[in-house]
């Protein structure tokens, strides 16, 4: 068959509610204590939510101010098949960021297919060495502008793109509709806070270290408006705040014989303006 790619730290309020349900036959003589317990539970819930927001915003503000970093990601994502079955695929990523104009994302899919995203402050380039093709478009203005244009105007995929933007604190604050503290847990021997939030279209979970640099160690996104509610899961490793960065990492130079193709979103414009000349496509005359 060919497939296609495409809260445990409960607050005392929830624990109290569970006990009441399980012991429904028991009679309580002090009925007046119920409002008091509910009030205490609500207060603890509000306190937990405030703590969750403080942890999340600390991460966002820290990431927004990092001048340079590199990180590796191991991720898995669900793809709903025509048969109705959900299939999980995987990929590995290496991200190198140098504000304000340098961004490089190397991707290797679980089937071995490789892709490369580059931005040098002037041009966005997406290349596929195995297919010997690349697409490129002009977009000055910095990483934030380039990422937004890549997602919204070109309709391309770049998971966790918000983490790349310097305006991540404002974006998280604007988009998050609810946020809860789930539990304290451990990832790879590191104590972390497990948070769960909701936006209009995506439910997200984040695991953020308890001390030191508040860099995410794991993130899960669930696309609740998409059929089957597919999820994207990413594990972060090898955070480096002082990577060796050269301008050549972000500037694209096509290899011999590599063909330039348009982004899919640019095809209607090309149809109106006429055919691309050979120099634009990389083809020989």
Protein backbone atom coordinates (compact mmCIF):
# COMPACT_ATOMS: atom_id res chain seq x y z
CA UNK A 1 0.00 0.00 0.00
CA UNK A 2 1.36 3.37 -0.98
CA UNK A 3 0.85 6.05 1.63
CA UNK A 4 0.92 9.80 1.22
CA UNK A 5 2.85 12.27 3.36
CA UNK A 6 1.16 15.26 4.11
CA UNK A 7 -3.33 18.12 32.60
CA UNK A 8 -1.25 15.32 34.98
CA UNK A 9 -0.34 17.52 37.69
CA UNK A 10 -4.01 18.14 38.32
CA UNK A 11 -4.84 20.97 40.64
CA UNK A 12 -6.43 20.15 43.98
CA UNK A 13 -9.71 21.30 42.44
CA UNK A 14 -9.71 18.41 39.98
CA UNK A 15 -8.57 15.88 42.59
CA UNK A 16 -11.38 16.99 44.91
CA UNK A 17 -13.90 16.64 42.08
CA UNK A 18 -12.71 13.09 41.35
CA UNK A 19 -13.06 12.07 45.00
CA UNK A 20 -16.61 13.43 45.13
CA UNK A 21 -17.62 11.44 42.05
CA UNK A 22 -16.13 8.17 43.31
CA UNK A 23 -17.71 8.48 46.75
CA UNK A 24 -21.14 9.73 45.74
CA UNK A 25 -22.93 7.46 48.23
CA UNK A 26 -21.16 9.05 51.21
CA UNK A 27 -23.10 11.72 53.09
CA UNK A 28 -21.29 14.81 54.32
CA UNK A 29 -22.66 16.44 57.44
CA UNK A 30 -20.88 19.75 56.87
CA UNK A 31 -22.61 20.96 53.73
CA UNK A 32 -21.23 24.44 54.27
CA UNK A 33 -17.71 23.15 53.49
CA UNK A 34 -18.53 22.55 49.80
CA UNK A 35 -18.45 26.24 48.76
CA UNK A 36 -15.23 26.68 50.71
CA UNK A 37 -13.59 23.70 48.98
CA UNK A 38 -14.75 24.96 45.58
CA UNK A 39 -13.37 28.42 46.26
CA UNK A 40 -10.02 26.99 47.33
CA UNK A 41 -9.95 24.79 44.25
CA UNK A 42 -10.66 27.72 41.94
CA UNK A 43 -7.95 29.77 43.61
CA UNK A 44 -5.44 26.96 43.11
CA UNK A 45 -6.49 26.60 39.46
CA UNK A 46 -5.99 30.32 38.84
CA UNK A 47 -2.59 30.13 40.55
CA UNK A 48 -1.53 27.15 38.40
CA UNK A 49 -2.60 28.92 35.20
CA UNK A 50 -0.67 32.04 36.18
CA UNK A 51 2.44 29.92 36.84
CA UNK A 52 2.04 28.21 33.45
CA UNK A 53 1.87 31.56 31.66
CA UNK A 54 4.93 32.85 33.50
CA UNK A 55 6.95 29.77 32.46
CA UNK A 56 5.79 29.91 28.84
CA UNK A 57 6.43 33.64 28.45
CA UNK A 58 9.87 33.27 30.04
CA UNK A 59 10.70 30.76 27.31
CA UNK A 60 9.27 33.01 24.58
CA UNK A 61 11.11 36.12 25.75
CA UNK A 62 14.38 34.23 26.11
CA UNK A 63 14.14 32.77 22.59
CA UNK A 64 13.20 36.13 21.06
CA UNK A 65 16.42 37.70 22.34
CA UNK A 66 18.89 34.95 21.34
CA UNK A 67 21.14 36.46 18.62
CA UNK A 68 22.31 33.08 17.31
CA UNK A 69 21.60 29.43 17.94
CA UNK A 70 21.54 25.98 16.43
CA UNK A 71 19.42 23.01 17.46
CA UNK A 72 18.52 19.52 16.25
CA UNK A 73 14.96 18.22 16.13
CA UNK A 74 13.61 14.72 15.79
CA UNK A 75 9.97 14.92 14.81
CA UNK A 76 7.02 12.75 13.85
CA UNK A 77 3.75 13.77 12.22
CA UNK A 78 0.44 12.12 11.35
CA UNK A 79 -0.99 12.00 7.84
CA UNK A 80 -4.57 10.90 7.21
CA UNK A 81 -4.74 8.44 4.30
CA UNK A 82 -7.52 8.13 1.75
CA UNK A 83 -8.48 4.87 3.45
CA UNK A 84 -9.20 6.77 6.67
CA UNK A 85 -6.16 5.35 8.47
CA UNK A 86 -3.72 7.70 10.21
CA UNK A 87 -0.06 6.98 9.39
CA UNK A 88 2.93 8.46 11.24
CA UNK A 89 5.98 9.69 9.34
CA UNK A 90 9.23 11.08 10.70
CA UNK A 91 11.94 13.57 9.89
CA UNK A 92 15.04 15.13 11.42
CA UNK A 93 15.86 18.83 11.28
CA UNK A 94 18.83 21.04 11.99
CA UNK A 95 18.04 24.72 12.50
CA UNK A 96 20.70 27.45 12.41
CA UNK A 97 19.54 30.99 13.15
CA UNK A 98 21.52 34.25 13.12
CA UNK A 99 19.45 37.39 13.64
CA UNK A 100 18.36 39.46 11.91
CA UNK A 101 18.87 37.95 8.46
CA UNK A 102 20.25 34.42 8.61
CA UNK A 103 18.15 31.24 8.72
CA UNK A 104 18.94 27.70 7.58
CA UNK A 105 16.75 24.63 8.08
CA UNK A 106 18.03 21.24 6.93
CA UNK A 107 15.40 18.49 6.67
CA UNK A 108 15.73 14.76 6.15
CA UNK A 109 12.52 12.76 5.92
CA UNK A 110 12.14 9.19 7.13
CA UNK A 111 12.29 7.96 3.51
CA UNK A 112 15.68 9.66 3.00
CA UNK A 113 14.36 12.63 1.00
CA UNK A 114 16.26 15.85 1.86
CA UNK A 115 15.22 19.50 1.65
CA UNK A 116 16.98 22.75 2.51
CA UNK A 117 15.45 26.11 3.47
CA UNK A 118 17.77 29.14 3.35
CA UNK A 119 17.29 32.86 3.94
CA UNK A 120 20.06 35.45 3.72
CA UNK A 121 18.11 38.65 4.30
CA UNK A 122 17.31 39.03 0.62
CA UNK A 123 16.03 35.78 -0.83
CA UNK A 124 14.10 32.73 0.35
CA UNK A 125 15.31 29.50 -1.23
CA UNK A 126 13.89 26.00 -0.90
CA UNK A 127 15.94 23.30 -2.59
CA UNK A 128 15.74 19.53 -3.03
CA UNK A 129 19.17 18.08 -3.89
CA UNK A 130 17.80 14.62 -4.64
CA UNK A 131 15.41 16.04 -7.23
CA UNK A 132 17.98 18.60 -8.42
CA UNK A 133 15.51 21.50 -8.25
CA UNK A 134 15.10 24.71 -6.26
CA UNK A 135 12.57 27.51 -5.85
CA UNK A 136 13.60 31.04 -4.95
CA UNK A 137 11.85 34.33 -4.33
CA UNK A 138 12.93 37.79 -3.19
CA UNK A 139 11.86 38.84 0.31
CA UNK A 140 13.96 41.46 2.12
CA UNK A 141 13.02 42.52 5.64
CA UNK A 142 14.52 39.97 8.01
CA UNK A 143 13.67 36.53 9.40
CA UNK A 144 10.24 37.46 10.78
CA UNK A 145 9.09 38.87 7.45
CA UNK A 146 10.56 35.97 5.47
CA UNK A 147 8.96 33.27 7.63
CA UNK A 148 5.53 34.90 7.51
CA UNK A 149 5.74 35.31 3.74
CA UNK A 150 6.85 31.68 3.34
CA UNK A 151 3.87 30.41 5.33
CA UNK A 152 1.06 32.77 4.40
CA UNK A 153 1.82 33.93 0.87
CA UNK A 154 3.64 30.90 -0.49
CA UNK A 155 1.51 28.41 1.46
CA UNK A 156 4.54 26.33 2.47
CA UNK A 157 5.08 24.11 5.52
CA UNK A 158 7.53 25.05 8.29
CA UNK A 159 6.53 23.43 11.61
CA UNK A 160 7.23 25.45 14.78
CA UNK A 161 7.90 28.54 12.67
CA UNK A 162 6.70 30.76 15.53
CA UNK A 163 9.77 29.77 17.55
CA UNK A 164 11.96 31.43 14.90
CA UNK A 165 10.33 34.85 15.14
CA UNK A 166 11.55 37.63 17.40
CA UNK A 167 7.93 38.53 18.09
CA UNK A 168 7.16 35.12 19.59
CA UNK A 169 6.09 36.57 23.00
CA UNK A 170 3.42 38.77 21.41
CA UNK A 171 2.25 35.96 19.09
CA UNK A 172 1.88 33.44 21.91
CA UNK A 173 0.05 35.97 24.10
CA UNK A 174 -2.29 36.94 21.24
CA UNK A 175 -3.10 33.43 20.02
CA UNK A 176 -3.35 31.47 23.26
CA UNK A 177 -6.95 31.18 24.46
CA UNK A 178 -6.28 28.97 27.49
CA UNK A 179 -3.20 27.60 29.22
CA UNK A 180 -2.78 25.04 32.00
CA UNK A 181 0.01 23.55 34.07
CA UNK A 182 -0.04 19.76 33.60
CA UNK A 183 2.77 18.36 35.75
CA UNK A 184 6.40 18.36 36.75
CA UNK A 185 8.21 15.55 34.96
CA UNK A 186 11.64 14.55 33.60
CA UNK A 187 13.02 14.37 30.04
CA UNK A 188 16.47 12.86 29.53
CA UNK A 189 17.24 13.38 33.22
CA UNK A 190 16.22 17.05 33.13
CA UNK A 191 13.33 18.28 35.36
CA UNK A 192 10.77 20.04 33.17
CA UNK A 193 7.42 21.80 33.37
CA UNK A 194 4.72 20.25 31.19
CA UNK A 195 2.27 22.90 29.90
CA UNK A 196 -0.83 22.57 27.72
CA UNK A 197 -2.37 25.45 25.76
CA UNK A 198 -5.07 26.03 23.17
CA UNK A 199 -5.38 28.43 20.25
CA UNK A 200 -8.29 28.77 17.85
CA UNK A 201 -6.96 26.06 15.53
CA UNK A 202 -4.19 24.22 17.42
CA UNK A 203 -3.83 22.55 20.80
CA UNK A 204 -0.20 22.61 21.94
CA UNK A 205 1.93 21.08 24.68
CA UNK A 206 5.39 22.23 25.73
CA UNK A 207 8.00 20.75 28.04
CA UNK A 208 10.30 23.49 29.39
CA UNK A 209 13.27 23.00 31.77
CA UNK A 210 12.74 23.94 35.40
CA UNK A 211 15.99 25.90 35.75
CA UNK A 212 18.73 27.37 33.61
CA UNK A 213 17.95 28.33 30.04
CA UNK A 214 14.20 27.95 29.33
CA UNK A 215 14.66 26.29 25.93
CA UNK A 216 11.95 23.78 24.93
CA UNK A 217 12.86 20.09 25.03
CA UNK A 218 9.63 18.78 23.51
CA UNK A 219 6.61 20.26 21.75
CA UNK A 220 3.42 18.60 20.49
CA UNK A 221 0.91 20.30 18.18
CA UNK A 222 -2.56 18.89 17.51
CA UNK A 223 -4.44 20.38 14.55
CA UNK A 224 -7.98 20.18 15.90
CA UNK A 225 -9.70 21.62 12.81
CA UNK A 226 -8.02 19.15 10.42
CA UNK A 227 -9.73 15.83 9.64
CA UNK A 228 -8.62 13.15 12.07
CA UNK A 229 -6.92 15.72 14.37
CA UNK A 230 -3.35 14.94 13.20
CA UNK A 231 -0.45 15.73 15.53
CA UNK A 232 3.13 16.94 15.10
CA UNK A 233 5.67 15.92 17.77
CA UNK A 234 9.19 17.35 18.09
CA UNK A 235 12.04 16.48 20.44
CA UNK A 236 14.82 19.10 20.74
CA UNK A 237 18.49 18.30 21.38
CA UNK A 238 21.97 19.86 21.17
CA UNK A 239 20.97 23.47 21.77
CA UNK A 240 23.98 25.68 21.00
CA UNK A 241 23.89 29.41 21.76
CA UNK A 242 27.24 30.11 20.07
CA UNK A 243 27.36 28.12 16.81
CA UNK A 244 30.00 28.74 14.18
CA UNK A 245 28.12 30.83 11.65
CA UNK A 246 29.23 31.86 8.17
CA UNK A 247 27.27 33.89 5.61
CA UNK A 248 27.65 31.04 3.14
CA UNK A 249 25.33 28.91 5.29
CA UNK A 250 22.39 31.13 4.41
CA UNK A 251 23.13 32.08 0.79
CA UNK A 252 22.10 29.59 -1.89
CA UNK A 253 24.33 28.61 -4.80
CA UNK A 254 22.76 26.12 -7.22
CA UNK A 255 24.82 23.12 -8.21
CA UNK A 256 25.56 22.46 -11.85
CA UNK A 257 22.48 21.44 -13.77
CA UNK A 258 20.08 22.33 -10.97
CA UNK A 259 16.74 23.54 -12.33
CA UNK A 260 14.85 26.51 -10.94
CA UNK A 261 11.11 26.00 -10.54
CA UNK A 262 8.43 28.36 -9.17
CA UNK A 263 6.70 28.02 -5.85
CA UNK A 264 3.20 26.65 -6.41
CA UNK A 265 1.63 29.88 -5.15
CA UNK A 266 3.50 31.82 -7.84
CA UNK A 267 2.08 29.82 -10.77
CA UNK A 268 -1.01 32.02 -11.34
CA UNK A 269 1.23 35.10 -11.51
CA UNK A 270 3.56 33.38 -13.99
CA UNK A 271 0.58 32.39 -16.15
CA UNK A 272 -0.51 36.04 -16.34
CA UNK A 273 2.95 37.45 -16.98
CA UNK A 274 4.00 34.88 -19.56
CA UNK A 275 6.69 32.17 -19.65
CA UNK A 276 9.86 32.43 -17.61
CA UNK A 277 13.02 32.91 -19.63
CA UNK A 278 15.72 30.21 -19.52
CA UNK A 279 17.97 32.27 -17.25
CA UNK A 280 15.22 32.42 -14.63
CA UNK A 281 14.60 28.70 -14.67
CA UNK A 282 18.23 27.65 -14.75
CA UNK A 283 17.66 25.81 -18.04
CA UNK A 284 20.04 26.12 -20.97
CA UNK A 285 18.87 28.03 -24.03
